[in-house]
N, C-alpha and C. Protein backbone atom coordinates (compact mmCIF):
# COMPACT_ATOMS: atom_id res chain seq x y z
N MET A 1 67.69 158.13 326.92
CA MET A 1 66.29 158.41 326.42
C MET A 1 65.77 156.96 325.74
N LYS A 2 65.96 158.12 324.34
CA LYS A 2 65.51 157.78 322.93
C LYS A 2 65.39 155.59 322.84
N LYS A 3 66.40 155.65 324.05
CA LYS A 3 66.65 153.86 323.85
C LYS A 3 65.25 153.51 324.77
N ASP A 4 64.88 154.35 326.57
CA ASP A 4 63.67 153.61 326.79
C ASP A 4 62.43 153.97 326.33
N LEU A 5 62.35 155.00 324.88
CA LEU A 5 61.05 155.52 325.25
C LEU A 5 60.91 154.01 323.30
N VAL A 6 62.22 153.50 323.11
CA VAL A 6 61.35 152.96 322.30
C VAL A 6 61.33 150.55 323.43
N ILE A 7 62.05 151.34 323.92
CA ILE A 7 60.84 149.83 324.45
C ILE A 7 59.90 150.18 325.17
N ILE A 8 59.10 150.86 325.53
CA ILE A 8 58.46 151.71 326.17
C ILE A 8 56.60 151.47 324.79
N PHE A 9 57.89 151.94 323.97
CA PHE A 9 56.31 151.50 322.70
C PHE A 9 56.27 150.35 322.23
N GLY A 10 57.37 149.72 321.99
CA GLY A 10 57.32 148.02 322.34
C GLY A 10 56.65 147.01 322.80
N LEU A 11 56.65 147.83 324.63
CA LEU A 11 56.00 147.00 325.18
C LEU A 11 54.07 147.63 324.62
N PHE A 12 53.97 148.16 324.79
CA PHE A 12 52.24 149.19 323.95
C PHE A 12 52.27 148.42 323.25
N LEU A 13 52.68 148.41 322.15
CA LEU A 13 52.54 147.73 321.47
C LEU A 13 52.48 145.88 320.98
N LEU A 14 53.31 145.43 321.88
CA LEU A 14 53.03 143.72 322.19
C LEU A 14 52.00 144.05 322.87
N ILE A 15 51.32 145.04 323.63
CA ILE A 15 50.12 144.39 324.41
C ILE A 15 48.63 144.87 323.92
N PHE A 16 49.14 145.38 323.19
CA PHE A 16 48.62 145.80 321.35
C PHE A 16 48.01 145.14 321.27
N VAL A 17 48.73 144.45 320.78
CA VAL A 17 49.04 142.60 320.00
C VAL A 17 47.73 142.14 320.67
N LEU A 18 48.38 141.60 321.40
CA LEU A 18 48.18 140.36 322.50
C LEU A 18 46.52 140.47 323.01
N VAL A 19 46.12 141.91 322.40
CA VAL A 19 44.63 142.98 323.29
C VAL A 19 43.87 142.67 321.66
N VAL A 20 44.25 142.86 320.74
CA VAL A 20 43.45 142.76 319.62
C VAL A 20 43.87 140.87 319.69
N PHE A 21 44.61 139.73 319.00
CA PHE A 21 44.76 139.05 318.59
C PHE A 21 44.74 138.06 319.73
N GLY A 22 44.55 137.89 320.99
CA GLY A 22 44.07 137.65 321.64
C GLY A 22 42.65 137.29 322.18
N LYS A 23 42.55 138.24 321.87
CA LYS A 23 40.55 138.52 322.17
C LYS A 23 39.35 137.30 322.35
N GLY A 24 39.03 137.06 323.84
CA GLY A 24 38.94 135.50 324.13
C GLY A 24 39.03 134.45 324.33
N TYR A 25 40.71 134.65 324.89
CA TYR A 25 41.52 133.41 324.89
C TYR A 25 42.21 133.96 325.69
N THR A 26 41.90 132.19 326.59
CA THR A 26 42.05 132.81 328.10
C THR A 26 43.46 130.99 328.10
N THR A 27 43.64 130.59 329.74
CA THR A 27 44.65 129.82 329.47
C THR A 27 43.97 128.74 329.78
N GLY A 28 42.43 128.87 330.28
CA GLY A 28 41.66 127.63 329.51
C GLY A 28 40.74 127.44 328.69
N SER A 29 40.78 128.91 328.01
CA SER A 29 39.89 127.97 326.57
C SER A 29 41.20 127.89 325.80
N PHE A 30 42.31 128.39 325.29
CA PHE A 30 43.63 127.08 324.93
C PHE A 30 43.91 125.63 325.56
N LEU A 31 43.48 125.51 326.77
CA LEU A 31 43.72 124.15 327.43
C LEU A 31 42.39 123.41 326.95
N GLN A 32 41.17 123.67 327.04
CA GLN A 32 40.06 123.45 325.95
C GLN A 32 40.10 123.01 324.56
N LEU A 33 41.03 124.50 324.16
CA LEU A 33 41.14 123.59 322.21
C LEU A 33 42.41 122.84 322.44
N GLN A 34 42.95 122.27 323.64
CA GLN A 34 44.14 121.78 323.08
C GLN A 34 43.29 120.48 323.61
N SER A 35 42.77 120.13 324.07
CA SER A 35 42.15 119.17 324.57
C SER A 35 40.46 118.11 324.33
N SER A 36 39.93 119.27 323.70
CA SER A 36 39.59 119.04 321.97
C SER A 36 39.62 117.81 321.00
N GLY A 37 40.94 117.70 321.23
CA GLY A 37 41.62 117.48 319.38
C GLY A 37 42.17 115.57 319.93
N THR A 38 42.18 115.01 321.30
CA THR A 38 42.33 113.79 321.75
C THR A 38 42.58 113.27 321.22
N ALA A 39 42.89 111.64 321.19
CA ALA A 39 42.49 110.54 320.74
C ALA A 39 40.93 109.93 320.59
N SER A 40 41.03 110.80 321.23
CA SER A 40 39.24 110.25 321.39
C SER A 40 38.07 110.63 320.59
N ALA A 41 38.71 111.95 319.57
CA ALA A 41 38.60 111.74 318.95
C ALA A 41 38.34 111.87 317.43
N LYS A 42 39.29 111.00 317.76
CA LYS A 42 40.29 110.80 316.14
C LYS A 42 39.78 109.20 315.55
N LYS A 43 39.47 108.99 314.29
CA LYS A 43 38.62 108.50 313.59
C LYS A 43 40.17 107.01 313.91
N GLY A 44 39.19 105.93 314.10
CA GLY A 44 40.52 104.68 314.10
C GLY A 44 40.84 104.28 315.83
N VAL A 45 39.77 105.30 316.31
CA VAL A 45 40.42 105.64 317.83
C VAL A 45 39.48 105.30 318.76
N ALA A 46 39.37 104.18 319.79
CA ALA A 46 38.15 104.45 320.70
C ALA A 46 38.66 104.45 322.36
N VAL A 47 38.32 105.22 322.54
CA VAL A 47 38.24 105.34 324.16
C VAL A 47 38.10 104.45 324.91
N VAL A 48 38.82 103.79 325.38
CA VAL A 48 38.69 101.67 326.59
C VAL A 48 38.42 102.44 327.73
N THR A 49 37.08 101.93 328.13
CA THR A 49 37.27 102.33 329.89
C THR A 49 37.24 100.72 330.62
N VAL A 50 38.14 100.01 332.55
CA VAL A 50 38.25 99.43 332.62
C VAL A 50 37.86 100.38 334.17
N ASN A 51 37.56 99.31 334.46
CA ASN A 51 37.72 100.21 336.36
C ASN A 51 37.45 102.19 336.15
N ASP A 52 39.15 102.30 336.36
CA ASP A 52 39.16 103.47 336.18
C ASP A 52 40.38 103.91 335.71
N LEU A 53 40.85 102.61 335.04
CA LEU A 53 41.52 103.58 333.08
C LEU A 53 40.76 103.65 332.39
N LYS A 54 41.50 104.18 332.22
CA LYS A 54 40.62 104.52 330.74
C LYS A 54 41.92 104.80 329.81
N ILE A 55 41.35 104.74 327.90
CA ILE A 55 43.02 104.15 327.41
C ILE A 55 42.58 104.91 326.39
N ASP A 56 43.11 105.34 325.73
CA ASP A 56 42.83 106.06 324.29
C ASP A 56 43.48 104.31 322.96
N ALA A 57 42.34 104.18 322.61
CA ALA A 57 43.24 102.58 322.27
C ALA A 57 42.57 102.88 320.63
N LYS A 58 43.47 102.68 319.47
CA LYS A 58 43.51 102.64 318.28
C LYS A 58 43.17 101.20 317.76
N ILE A 59 42.13 100.99 316.64
CA ILE A 59 41.71 100.10 316.34
C ILE A 59 42.42 99.48 315.63
N LEU A 60 42.16 98.53 315.15
CA LEU A 60 42.91 97.52 315.17
C LEU A 60 41.82 96.32 313.50
N THR A 61 41.24 96.45 312.59
CA THR A 61 40.27 95.42 312.08
C THR A 61 40.65 94.42 310.99
N ARG A 62 42.56 95.41 310.46
CA ARG A 62 42.46 94.55 309.21
C ARG A 62 43.64 93.22 309.93
N ALA A 63 43.42 92.52 308.83
CA ALA A 63 44.71 91.10 309.38
C ALA A 63 46.11 91.96 309.57
N SER A 64 46.35 92.76 308.31
CA SER A 64 47.72 93.02 308.49
C SER A 64 48.00 93.94 309.80
N ASP A 65 47.29 94.62 309.69
CA ASP A 65 47.65 95.35 310.96
C ASP A 65 47.90 94.88 312.47
N ARG A 66 46.57 94.29 312.08
CA ARG A 66 46.99 92.93 313.87
C ARG A 66 48.39 92.45 314.09
N LYS A 67 48.09 91.61 312.62
CA LYS A 67 49.29 90.65 312.27
C LYS A 67 50.87 91.29 313.49
N LYS A 68 50.95 93.53 312.55
CA LYS A 68 51.97 94.04 312.86
C LYS A 68 52.17 94.71 314.91
N GLY A 69 51.10 94.47 314.54
CA GLY A 69 50.58 95.22 316.72
C GLY A 69 51.48 96.29 316.53
N LEU A 70 52.08 96.41 317.52
CA LEU A 70 52.64 97.07 318.43
C LEU A 70 54.55 97.38 317.93
N SER A 71 54.73 95.78 316.88
CA SER A 71 56.08 96.08 316.90
C SER A 71 56.42 96.54 316.25
N GLY A 72 58.22 96.65 316.80
CA GLY A 72 58.99 97.75 315.97
C GLY A 72 59.17 99.08 317.01
N ARG A 73 58.00 98.86 317.98
CA ARG A 73 57.48 100.45 318.31
C ARG A 73 58.27 100.15 319.51
N GLU A 74 59.14 102.02 320.09
CA GLU A 74 60.21 101.83 321.14
C GLU A 74 59.11 102.14 322.37
N SER A 75 58.23 102.65 321.96
CA SER A 75 57.86 102.54 324.01
C SER A 75 56.44 102.68 322.99
N LEU A 76 55.54 103.07 324.31
CA LEU A 76 53.77 103.24 324.15
C LEU A 76 53.60 104.00 325.11
N PRO A 77 52.93 105.20 324.58
CA PRO A 77 52.47 105.98 325.82
C PRO A 77 51.27 105.50 327.04
N ILE A 78 51.69 106.07 327.97
CA ILE A 78 50.89 105.27 328.92
C ILE A 78 49.49 105.46 328.85
N SER A 79 48.43 106.21 328.34
CA SER A 79 47.33 106.21 327.80
C SER A 79 46.99 105.69 326.58
N GLU A 80 47.46 105.36 325.86
CA GLU A 80 46.94 104.60 324.70
C GLU A 80 47.76 103.20 324.76
N GLY A 81 47.02 102.65 323.79
CA GLY A 81 47.01 100.78 323.41
C GLY A 81 46.26 100.79 322.01
N LEU A 82 46.67 99.03 321.79
CA LEU A 82 46.00 99.25 320.45
C LEU A 82 44.83 98.10 320.86
N LEU A 83 43.74 98.36 320.42
CA LEU A 83 42.06 97.73 320.06
C LEU A 83 41.70 96.46 318.90
N PHE A 84 42.62 94.94 319.28
CA PHE A 84 42.41 94.08 317.93
C PHE A 84 40.51 94.17 318.31
N VAL A 85 40.34 93.39 316.85
CA VAL A 85 38.63 93.68 317.08
C VAL A 85 38.29 91.94 315.32
N PHE A 86 38.51 91.44 315.66
CA PHE A 86 38.56 89.95 315.11
C PHE A 86 36.63 89.94 314.86
N GLU A 87 36.23 89.92 313.86
CA GLU A 87 35.22 89.59 312.93
C GLU A 87 34.41 88.49 314.22
N ASN A 88 34.93 87.38 314.47
CA ASN A 88 34.15 86.87 315.12
C ASN A 88 34.20 86.16 316.76
N ASN A 89 34.14 85.60 317.44
CA ASN A 89 34.71 84.91 318.97
C ASN A 89 35.24 83.55 317.67
N GLY A 90 37.03 84.33 318.68
CA GLY A 90 38.27 82.42 318.62
C GLY A 90 38.70 83.16 319.81
N GLN A 91 39.91 81.42 319.43
CA GLN A 91 40.46 81.61 320.47
C GLN A 91 41.75 82.39 319.82
N TYR A 92 42.78 83.29 319.62
CA TYR A 92 43.09 83.57 319.26
C TYR A 92 44.75 84.51 319.52
N PRO A 93 46.02 84.05 319.45
CA PRO A 93 47.36 83.96 320.52
C PRO A 93 47.40 84.63 319.39
N PHE A 94 48.55 85.92 320.85
CA PHE A 94 49.40 86.91 320.60
C PHE A 94 50.85 86.09 320.99
N TRP A 95 51.73 86.86 319.69
CA TRP A 95 53.00 86.63 320.73
C TRP A 95 53.80 87.71 320.54
N MET A 96 54.85 88.23 320.72
CA MET A 96 56.48 89.61 321.44
C MET A 96 56.99 89.79 319.80
N LYS A 97 56.81 88.83 318.63
CA LYS A 97 57.44 89.39 318.18
C LYS A 97 58.25 90.77 317.42
N ASP A 98 59.30 91.13 317.56
CA ASP A 98 60.13 92.54 317.69
C ASP A 98 59.63 93.46 318.32
N MET A 99 59.31 93.10 319.03
CA MET A 99 58.60 94.21 320.35
C MET A 99 59.97 94.71 321.34
N GLU A 100 59.76 95.25 321.57
CA GLU A 100 61.07 96.42 322.09
C GLU A 100 60.34 96.67 323.77
N PHE A 101 59.17 96.68 323.99
CA PHE A 101 59.17 96.76 325.84
C PHE A 101 57.43 95.54 325.81
N ALA A 102 57.36 95.54 327.56
CA ALA A 102 56.71 94.18 327.85
C ALA A 102 55.27 95.04 327.68
N ILE A 103 54.18 94.12 327.80
CA ILE A 103 52.74 94.68 327.24
C ILE A 103 51.99 93.65 328.50
N ASP A 104 51.08 94.35 328.98
CA ASP A 104 49.65 93.44 329.59
C ASP A 104 48.90 93.24 327.93
N ILE A 105 48.46 91.88 328.42
CA ILE A 105 47.72 91.79 326.94
C ILE A 105 45.96 90.99 327.20
N ILE A 106 45.21 91.49 327.37
CA ILE A 106 43.66 91.75 327.17
C ILE A 106 42.53 91.23 326.76
N TRP A 107 42.45 89.39 326.76
CA TRP A 107 41.29 88.93 325.59
C TRP A 107 39.81 90.14 325.98
N ILE A 108 38.56 89.88 325.40
CA ILE A 108 37.98 90.67 325.84
C ILE A 108 36.32 89.82 325.27
N ASP A 109 35.65 89.47 325.26
CA ASP A 109 34.86 88.45 324.93
C ASP A 109 33.49 89.70 324.43
N GLU A 110 32.54 88.80 323.94
CA GLU A 110 31.94 89.94 322.64
C GLU A 110 30.65 89.78 323.84
N ASN A 111 30.37 90.08 325.20
CA ASN A 111 29.52 90.45 325.69
C ASN A 111 31.18 92.13 326.43
N LYS A 112 31.31 91.29 326.61
CA LYS A 112 32.45 92.70 326.64
C LYS A 112 33.19 92.78 328.02
N ARG A 113 32.99 91.74 328.06
CA ARG A 113 33.92 91.25 329.69
C ARG A 113 35.78 90.81 329.59
N ILE A 114 35.74 90.73 330.19
CA ILE A 114 37.22 90.38 330.67
C ILE A 114 37.10 89.10 330.39
N ALA A 115 38.11 87.76 329.38
CA ALA A 115 38.11 87.01 329.60
C ALA A 115 39.70 86.15 329.71
N TYR A 116 40.28 86.72 330.05
CA TYR A 116 41.83 86.51 330.17
C TYR A 116 42.82 87.63 330.33
N ILE A 117 43.60 87.45 331.09
CA ILE A 117 44.92 88.80 331.32
C ILE A 117 46.59 87.96 331.38
N VAL A 118 46.96 88.88 330.50
CA VAL A 118 48.45 88.13 330.63
C VAL A 118 48.84 89.67 331.08
N HIS A 119 49.59 89.38 331.67
CA HIS A 119 50.75 90.15 332.58
C HIS A 119 52.33 90.06 332.63
N ASN A 120 52.32 91.68 332.06
CA ASN A 120 54.43 91.53 332.10
C ASN A 120 54.37 90.61 330.58
N ALA A 121 54.25 90.49 329.79
CA ALA A 121 55.11 89.43 328.73
C ALA A 121 55.87 89.98 328.55
N PRO A 122 56.96 89.81 328.79
CA PRO A 122 57.93 90.52 327.97
C PRO A 122 58.77 90.50 326.92
N PRO A 123 59.61 91.26 326.10
CA PRO A 123 60.24 91.22 324.85
C PRO A 123 61.10 90.37 324.97
N GLU A 124 60.96 89.58 323.47
CA GLU A 124 62.07 88.46 323.33
C GLU A 124 62.91 88.87 322.38
N PRO A 125 63.68 89.71 322.34
CA PRO A 125 64.83 89.63 321.01
C PRO A 125 65.46 88.54 320.97
N GLY A 126 66.09 88.74 319.42
CA GLY A 126 67.32 87.64 319.08
C GLY A 126 66.22 86.28 319.10
N ARG A 127 65.36 86.12 318.62
CA ARG A 127 64.95 85.28 319.01
C ARG A 127 63.38 84.54 317.75
N ASP A 128 64.07 83.61 317.37
CA ASP A 128 63.25 82.95 315.75
C ASP A 128 61.64 83.21 316.63
N ASP A 129 61.42 82.60 315.51
CA ASP A 129 59.53 83.04 315.42
C ASP A 129 58.85 81.68 315.84
N ASP A 130 59.86 80.41 315.68
CA ASP A 130 59.86 79.55 316.41
C ASP A 130 59.45 79.31 317.81
N GLU A 131 60.69 80.01 318.29
CA GLU A 131 60.79 80.42 319.91
C GLU A 131 60.19 81.11 320.19
N LEU A 132 59.69 82.31 319.96
CA LEU A 132 59.15 83.02 321.14
C LEU A 132 57.53 82.06 321.49
N THR A 133 57.19 82.44 322.68
CA THR A 133 56.33 82.54 323.45
C THR A 133 54.66 82.73 322.79
N LEU A 134 54.32 81.56 322.49
CA LEU A 134 52.89 82.16 322.24
C LEU A 134 51.27 82.27 323.05
N TYR A 135 51.00 83.06 323.07
CA TYR A 135 49.89 84.00 324.36
C TYR A 135 48.71 83.17 323.74
N LYS A 136 48.39 82.27 324.13
CA LYS A 136 46.86 81.88 323.83
C LYS A 136 46.11 81.32 324.55
N PRO A 137 45.27 82.27 325.10
CA PRO A 137 43.90 81.66 325.98
C PRO A 137 42.64 80.39 325.85
N GLY A 138 42.81 80.02 327.32
CA GLY A 138 41.49 79.08 326.37
C GLY A 138 40.37 78.75 326.36
N VAL A 139 40.29 80.41 325.89
CA VAL A 139 38.94 81.47 326.64
C VAL A 139 38.40 81.48 324.54
N PHE A 140 36.85 82.45 324.27
CA PHE A 140 36.79 82.05 323.55
C PHE A 140 36.65 84.03 323.48
N ALA A 141 37.47 85.17 322.58
CA ALA A 141 37.44 86.84 322.37
C ALA A 141 36.65 86.96 321.48
N LYS A 142 36.26 88.16 320.97
CA LYS A 142 36.08 89.49 320.16
C LYS A 142 37.29 89.94 320.24
N TYR A 143 37.60 90.88 320.62
CA TYR A 143 38.18 91.67 321.65
C TYR A 143 39.88 91.57 321.43
N VAL A 144 40.56 92.08 321.92
CA VAL A 144 42.26 92.12 322.75
C VAL A 144 42.40 93.41 323.20
N LEU A 145 43.05 94.15 323.91
CA LEU A 145 43.78 95.53 324.46
C LEU A 145 44.93 94.40 324.70
N GLU A 146 45.68 95.18 324.09
CA GLU A 146 47.08 95.67 324.31
C GLU A 146 47.63 97.14 325.20
N ILE A 147 48.16 97.18 326.46
CA ILE A 147 48.35 98.39 327.17
C ILE A 147 49.51 98.53 327.45
N ASN A 148 50.23 99.00 328.81
CA ASN A 148 51.65 98.78 328.72
C ASN A 148 51.34 98.03 330.37
N ALA A 149 52.85 97.27 330.02
CA ALA A 149 53.15 96.26 331.02
C ALA A 149 52.51 97.03 332.74
N GLY A 150 51.67 96.31 333.39
CA GLY A 150 51.77 97.38 334.68
C GLY A 150 50.27 98.09 334.97
N LEU A 151 49.46 97.76 333.68
CA LEU A 151 48.71 99.12 334.13
C LEU A 151 47.03 98.00 334.51
N ALA A 152 46.96 96.62 334.20
CA ALA A 152 46.08 96.37 334.84
C ALA A 152 46.07 95.16 335.91
N GLN A 153 47.03 95.46 336.67
CA GLN A 153 47.25 95.09 337.99
C GLN A 153 47.24 96.35 338.89
N ARG A 154 47.92 97.99 338.56
CA ARG A 154 47.03 98.67 339.13
C ARG A 154 46.18 98.97 338.64
N TYR A 155 45.70 98.40 337.86
CA TYR A 155 44.21 99.16 338.07
C TYR A 155 42.68 98.32 339.16
N GLY A 156 43.68 97.34 339.21
CA GLY A 156 42.97 96.17 339.63
C GLY A 156 41.80 95.32 338.92
N ILE A 157 42.69 95.63 337.37
CA ILE A 157 41.98 94.67 336.20
C ILE A 157 41.94 93.01 336.55
N VAL A 158 40.28 92.47 336.64
CA VAL A 158 40.32 90.85 336.46
C VAL A 158 39.84 90.40 335.58
N VAL A 159 39.75 89.29 335.73
CA VAL A 159 39.02 88.66 334.65
C VAL A 159 37.74 88.69 334.72
N GLY A 160 36.56 88.86 334.18
CA GLY A 160 35.17 89.31 334.92
C GLY A 160 34.43 90.76 334.62
N ASP A 161 35.63 91.55 334.69
CA ASP A 161 35.45 93.23 334.55
C ASP A 161 35.30 93.27 333.26
N LEU A 162 33.85 94.40 333.43
CA LEU A 162 32.85 94.41 331.97
C LEU A 162 33.74 95.70 331.48
N VAL A 163 33.99 96.16 329.24
CA VAL A 163 35.04 97.10 329.26
C VAL A 163 34.08 97.71 328.39
N ASN A 164 34.74 99.53 328.72
CA ASN A 164 33.63 100.08 328.06
C ASN A 164 34.18 100.57 326.70
N PHE A 165 33.87 100.19 325.08
CA PHE A 165 34.00 101.16 324.85
C PHE A 165 33.18 101.44 323.32
N GLU A 166 32.77 101.62 322.87
CA GLU A 166 31.94 101.95 321.22
C GLU A 166 33.01 102.41 320.62
N LEU A 167 32.66 101.13 318.89
CA LEU A 167 33.45 101.12 317.57
C LEU A 167 32.82 102.27 316.00
C-alpha cells in the first residue's frame, strides 16, 4: 500500500513540475525554438536557393579558407554546402585535394547566374598535387558553390539558372 502511494505521489509531483516549469511549451513551440537556430541565422552562412534546392552554405572569403574548402571532411550534410566568394570575376580552378566524397561544383557569375557546373567530381585519394584533376571552366565567375554530388542533377539545375543568396 505504501509503495502505491509513493508511486502516485511521484506521478503527481512529476505532473506538477511539468505544468509549472513547462508552462507555455508545446511540441510546436519546441520545434520552433529548434528551427530558429538554423544555419541561416548564423554569421558566415548564406541561404542559397536555386530552383527548389535550398542550401545553408558556409561563406568562405579568405584565401586560406577557400584553399582548404571541404578537404579532410568525411561528409557534408545534405542541406549544407560551401559558398566561395571572390573579390573579382575570374576563371577560378578547383581540385579535389584531400577530398573523401564526390561533390557538384557550381560556378556563379557576378549577376548570380550559373555559369558552369561540374557534376559528381570524384575524390582522388593517393594522387600527388600535380596529378589531381583541375576543374577550370572557360567562363568567368565571382562565386563557386560546392554541394553534395547529384544534387544539381536531382533539382534540374543548369547553366543560366538564377541563384539567390545574400552576403
